[in-house]
Amino acid sequence: MCSHYYDWEGQIHEIENQKSEFEQVIKKIEDNGMRAITFAYKQTEVKKLVEDGLCLLAIVGVKYHCHEGMKSAVKDLKNAGRSIKLVSKDKQSTLRAMAGELGISCPVSTETEHPVSMV
């Protein structure tokens, strides 16, 4: 995990005092149907990367876009009376955004995290 981050002015800081803010940014990205990807680095002489002491460089959101062919196929299946289920390892918020883009209705769920989500 990251122990430091760079601010807008290029100054390095310990991440502990901003950790909850970064978590909120990631949650907002996920709530908007995107996958959060972080970029970090660590200078080391060791060839094996250890996932601690990294310095956070950026957090970006990657949006899932459905191909028109997928949207059309879902529409055709729904018109034929078929029930559509979307299965993914993505978080519920990301999965709901994908389903919305495909025109698949989502039941309301009280589950917050699940290894495999179905809507």
C-alpha atoms as a PDB file:
ATOM      1  CA  MET A   1       0.000   0.000   0.000  1.00  0.00           C
ATOM      2  CA  CYS A   2       0.953   3.621  -0.369  1.00  0.00           C
ATOM      3  CA  SER A   3       2.596   5.402   2.522  1.00  0.00           C
ATOM      4  CA  HIS A   4       3.058   8.773   0.767  1.00  0.00           C
ATOM      5  CA  TYR A   5       1.520  10.868  -2.002  1.00  0.00           C
ATOM      6  CA  TYR A   6       2.401  13.877  -4.131  1.00  0.00           C
ATOM      7  CA  ASP A   7       0.215  16.985  -3.987  1.00  0.00           C
ATOM      8  CA  TRP A   8      -0.586  19.323  -6.909  1.00  0.00           C
ATOM      9  CA  GLU A   9       2.603  21.291  -6.289  1.00  0.00           C
ATOM     10  CA  GLY A  10       4.848  18.218  -6.415  1.00  0.00           C
ATOM     11  CA  GLN A  11       5.394  18.088  -2.649  1.00  0.00           C
ATOM     12  CA  ILE A  12       5.476  14.658  -0.992  1.00  0.00           C
ATOM     13  CA  HIS A  13       3.357  13.983   2.121  1.00  0.00           C
ATOM     14  CA  GLU A  14       2.517  11.046   4.383  1.00  0.00           C
ATOM     15  CA  ILE A  15      -0.766   9.526   3.276  1.00  0.00           C
ATOM     16  CA  GLU A  16      -2.269   8.880   6.722  1.00  0.00           C
ATOM     17  CA  ASN A  17      -3.729  12.393   7.108  1.00  0.00           C
ATOM     18  CA  GLN A  18      -5.439  12.170   3.675  1.00  0.00           C
ATOM     19  CA  LYS A  19      -6.253   8.447   3.543  1.00  0.00           C
ATOM     20  CA  SER A  20     -10.014   8.878   4.089  1.00  0.00           C
ATOM     21  CA  GLU A  21     -10.120  11.568   1.378  1.00  0.00           C
ATOM     22  CA  PHE A  22      -8.451   9.214  -1.128  1.00  0.00           C
ATOM     23  CA  GLU A  23     -10.899   6.460  -0.125  1.00  0.00           C
ATOM     24  CA  GLN A  24     -13.802   8.868  -0.786  1.00  0.00           C
ATOM     25  CA  VAL A  25     -12.379   9.679  -4.233  1.00  0.00           C
ATOM     26  CA  ILE A  26     -12.176   5.962  -5.040  1.00  0.00           C
ATOM     27  CA  LYS A  27     -15.730   5.373  -3.770  1.00  0.00           C
ATOM     28  CA  LYS A  28     -17.036   8.278  -5.883  1.00  0.00           C
ATOM     29  CA  ILE A  29     -15.319   6.818  -8.955  1.00  0.00           C
ATOM     30  CA  GLU A  30     -16.877   3.402  -8.276  1.00  0.00           C
ATOM     31  CA  ASP A  31     -20.304   4.914  -7.537  1.00  0.00           C
ATOM     32  CA  ASN A  32     -20.175   6.476 -11.014  1.00  0.00           C
ATOM     33  CA  GLY A  33     -19.753   3.040 -12.574  1.00  0.00           C
ATOM     34  CA  MET A  34     -16.025   3.200 -13.150  1.00  0.00           C
ATOM     35  CA  ARG A  35     -13.093   1.110 -12.011  1.00  0.00           C
ATOM     36  CA  ALA A  36     -10.561   2.965  -9.913  1.00  0.00           C
ATOM     37  CA  ILE A  37      -6.936   2.454 -10.899  1.00  0.00           C
ATOM     38  CA  THR A  38      -4.075   3.894  -8.885  1.00  0.00           C
ATOM     39  CA  PHE A  39      -0.568   4.604 -10.089  1.00  0.00           C
ATOM     40  CA  ALA A  40       2.267   4.433  -7.572  1.00  0.00           C
ATOM     41  CA  TYR A  41       6.013   3.927  -7.518  1.00  0.00           C
ATOM     42  CA  LYS A  42       8.838   2.907  -5.245  1.00  0.00           C
ATOM     43  CA  GLN A  43      12.573   3.086  -5.864  1.00  0.00           C
ATOM     44  CA  THR A  44      14.191  -0.184  -4.940  1.00  0.00           C
ATOM     45  CA  GLU A  45      17.226  -2.306  -5.688  1.00  0.00           C
ATOM     46  CA  VAL A  46      15.189  -5.479  -5.182  1.00  0.00           C
ATOM     47  CA  LYS A  47      13.728  -7.118  -8.281  1.00  0.00           C
ATOM     48  CA  LYS A  48      10.643  -8.355  -6.412  1.00  0.00           C
ATOM     49  CA  LEU A  49       8.083  -5.603  -5.770  1.00  0.00           C
ATOM     50  CA  VAL A  50       6.825  -5.395  -2.211  1.00  0.00           C
ATOM     51  CA  GLU A  51       3.424  -3.701  -1.981  1.00  0.00           C
ATOM     52  CA  ASP A  52       4.218  -1.342   0.867  1.00  0.00           C
ATOM     53  CA  GLY A  53       5.973   1.971   1.090  1.00  0.00           C
ATOM     54  CA  LEU A  54       4.723   3.015  -2.352  1.00  0.00           C
ATOM     55  CA  CYS A  55       4.208   6.662  -3.282  1.00  0.00           C
ATOM     56  CA  LEU A  56       0.801   7.442  -4.819  1.00  0.00           C
ATOM     57  CA  LEU A  57       1.036   9.333  -8.105  1.00  0.00           C
ATOM     58  CA  ALA A  58      -2.556   9.317  -9.385  1.00  0.00           C
ATOM     59  CA  ILE A  59      -6.027   7.818  -9.115  1.00  0.00           C
ATOM     60  CA  VAL A  60      -8.026   7.506 -12.328  1.00  0.00           C
ATOM     61  CA  GLY A  61     -11.433   6.100 -13.200  1.00  0.00           C
ATOM     62  CA  VAL A  62     -11.908   3.844 -16.200  1.00  0.00           C
ATOM     63  CA  LYS A  63     -15.441   3.609 -17.567  1.00  0.00           C
ATOM     64  CA  TYR A  64     -16.812   0.413 -19.007  1.00  0.00           C
ATOM     65  CA  HIS A  65     -18.410   0.993 -22.398  1.00  0.00           C
ATOM     66  CA  CYS A  66     -20.798  -1.509 -23.910  1.00  0.00           C
ATOM     67  CA  HIS A  67     -20.602  -2.225 -27.610  1.00  0.00           C
ATOM     68  CA  GLU A  68     -23.753  -1.466 -29.565  1.00  0.00           C
ATOM     69  CA  GLY A  69     -23.921  -5.158 -30.487  1.00  0.00           C
ATOM     70  CA  MET A  70     -24.226  -6.061 -26.813  1.00  0.00           C
ATOM     71  CA  LYS A  71     -26.994  -3.519 -26.278  1.00  0.00           C
ATOM     72  CA  SER A  72     -28.821  -4.810 -29.322  1.00  0.00           C
ATOM     73  CA  ALA A  73     -28.453  -8.451 -28.207  1.00  0.00           C
ATOM     74  CA  VAL A  74     -29.825  -7.650 -24.743  1.00  0.00           C
ATOM     75  CA  LYS A  75     -32.752  -5.785 -26.298  1.00  0.00           C
ATOM     76  CA  ASP A  76     -33.500  -8.715 -28.639  1.00  0.00           C
ATOM     77  CA  LEU A  77     -33.379 -11.213 -25.758  1.00  0.00           C
ATOM     78  CA  LYS A  78     -35.681  -9.048 -23.627  1.00  0.00           C
ATOM     79  CA  ASN A  79     -38.107  -8.679 -26.544  1.00  0.00           C
ATOM     80  CA  ALA A  80     -38.092 -12.486 -26.869  1.00  0.00           C
ATOM     81  CA  GLY A  81     -39.173 -12.723 -23.221  1.00  0.00           C
ATOM     82  CA  ARG A  82     -35.828 -13.885 -21.851  1.00  0.00           C
ATOM     83  CA  SER A  83     -34.672 -12.983 -18.358  1.00  0.00           C
ATOM     84  CA  ILE A  84     -31.265 -11.287 -18.355  1.00  0.00           C
ATOM     85  CA  LYS A  85     -28.756 -11.597 -15.511  1.00  0.00           C
ATOM     86  CA  LEU A  86     -25.422  -9.825 -15.401  1.00  0.00           C
ATOM     87  CA  VAL A  87     -22.682 -11.641 -13.480  1.00  0.00           C
ATOM     88  CA  SER A  88     -19.415  -9.960 -12.601  1.00  0.00           C
ATOM     89  CA  LYS A  89     -16.694  -9.689  -9.964  1.00  0.00           C
ATOM     90  CA  ASP A  90     -17.082  -5.906 -10.090  1.00  0.00           C
ATOM     91  CA  LYS A  91     -18.482  -3.940  -7.169  1.00  0.00           C
ATOM     92  CA  GLN A  92     -22.242  -3.440  -7.033  1.00  0.00           C
ATOM     93  CA  SER A  93     -22.039   0.232  -8.063  1.00  0.00           C
ATOM     94  CA  THR A  94     -19.960  -0.581 -11.157  1.00  0.00           C
ATOM     95  CA  LEU A  95     -22.215  -3.497 -12.018  1.00  0.00           C
ATOM     96  CA  ARG A  96     -25.326  -1.315 -11.751  1.00  0.00           C
ATOM     97  CA  ALA A  97     -23.816   1.222 -14.152  1.00  0.00           C
ATOM     98  CA  MET A  98     -22.997  -1.548 -16.654  1.00  0.00           C
ATOM     99  CA  ALA A  99     -26.509  -2.973 -16.343  1.00  0.00           C
ATOM    100  CA  GLY A 100     -28.036   0.480 -16.831  1.00  0.00           C
ATOM    101  CA  GLU A 101     -26.028   1.026 -19.990  1.00  0.00           C
ATOM    102  CA  LEU A 102     -27.201  -2.350 -21.307  1.00  0.00           C
ATOM    103  CA  GLY A 103     -30.828  -1.698 -20.368  1.00  0.00           C
ATOM    104  CA  ILE A 104     -30.972  -4.411 -17.695  1.00  0.00           C
ATOM    105  CA  SER A 105     -33.051  -3.543 -14.628  1.00  0.00           C
ATOM    106  CA  CYS A 106     -31.365  -3.947 -11.239  1.00  0.00           C
ATOM    107  CA  PRO A 107     -33.107  -5.103  -8.078  1.00  0.00           C
ATOM    108  CA  VAL A 108     -32.212  -3.175  -4.935  1.00  0.00           C
ATOM    109  CA  SER A 109     -29.743  -5.135  -2.810  1.00  0.00           C
ATOM    110  CA  THR A 110     -28.688  -4.671   0.795  1.00  0.00           C
ATOM    111  CA  GLU A 111     -25.403  -6.463   0.163  1.00  0.00           C
ATOM    112  CA  THR A 112     -22.440  -4.103  -0.076  1.00  0.00           C
ATOM    113  CA  GLU A 113     -19.619  -6.433  -1.083  1.00  0.00           C
ATOM    114  CA  HIS A 114     -19.820  -9.776  -2.808  1.00  0.00           C
ATOM    115  CA  PRO A 115     -17.134 -11.732  -4.689  1.00  0.00           C
ATOM    116  CA  VAL A 116     -19.618 -12.336  -7.529  1.00  0.00           C
ATOM    117  CA  SER A 117     -22.509  -9.947  -8.009  1.00  0.00           C
ATOM    118  CA  MET A 118     -25.719 -10.656  -9.865  1.00  0.00           C
ATOM    119  CA  VAL A 119     -28.335  -8.149 -10.959  1.00  0.00           C
END
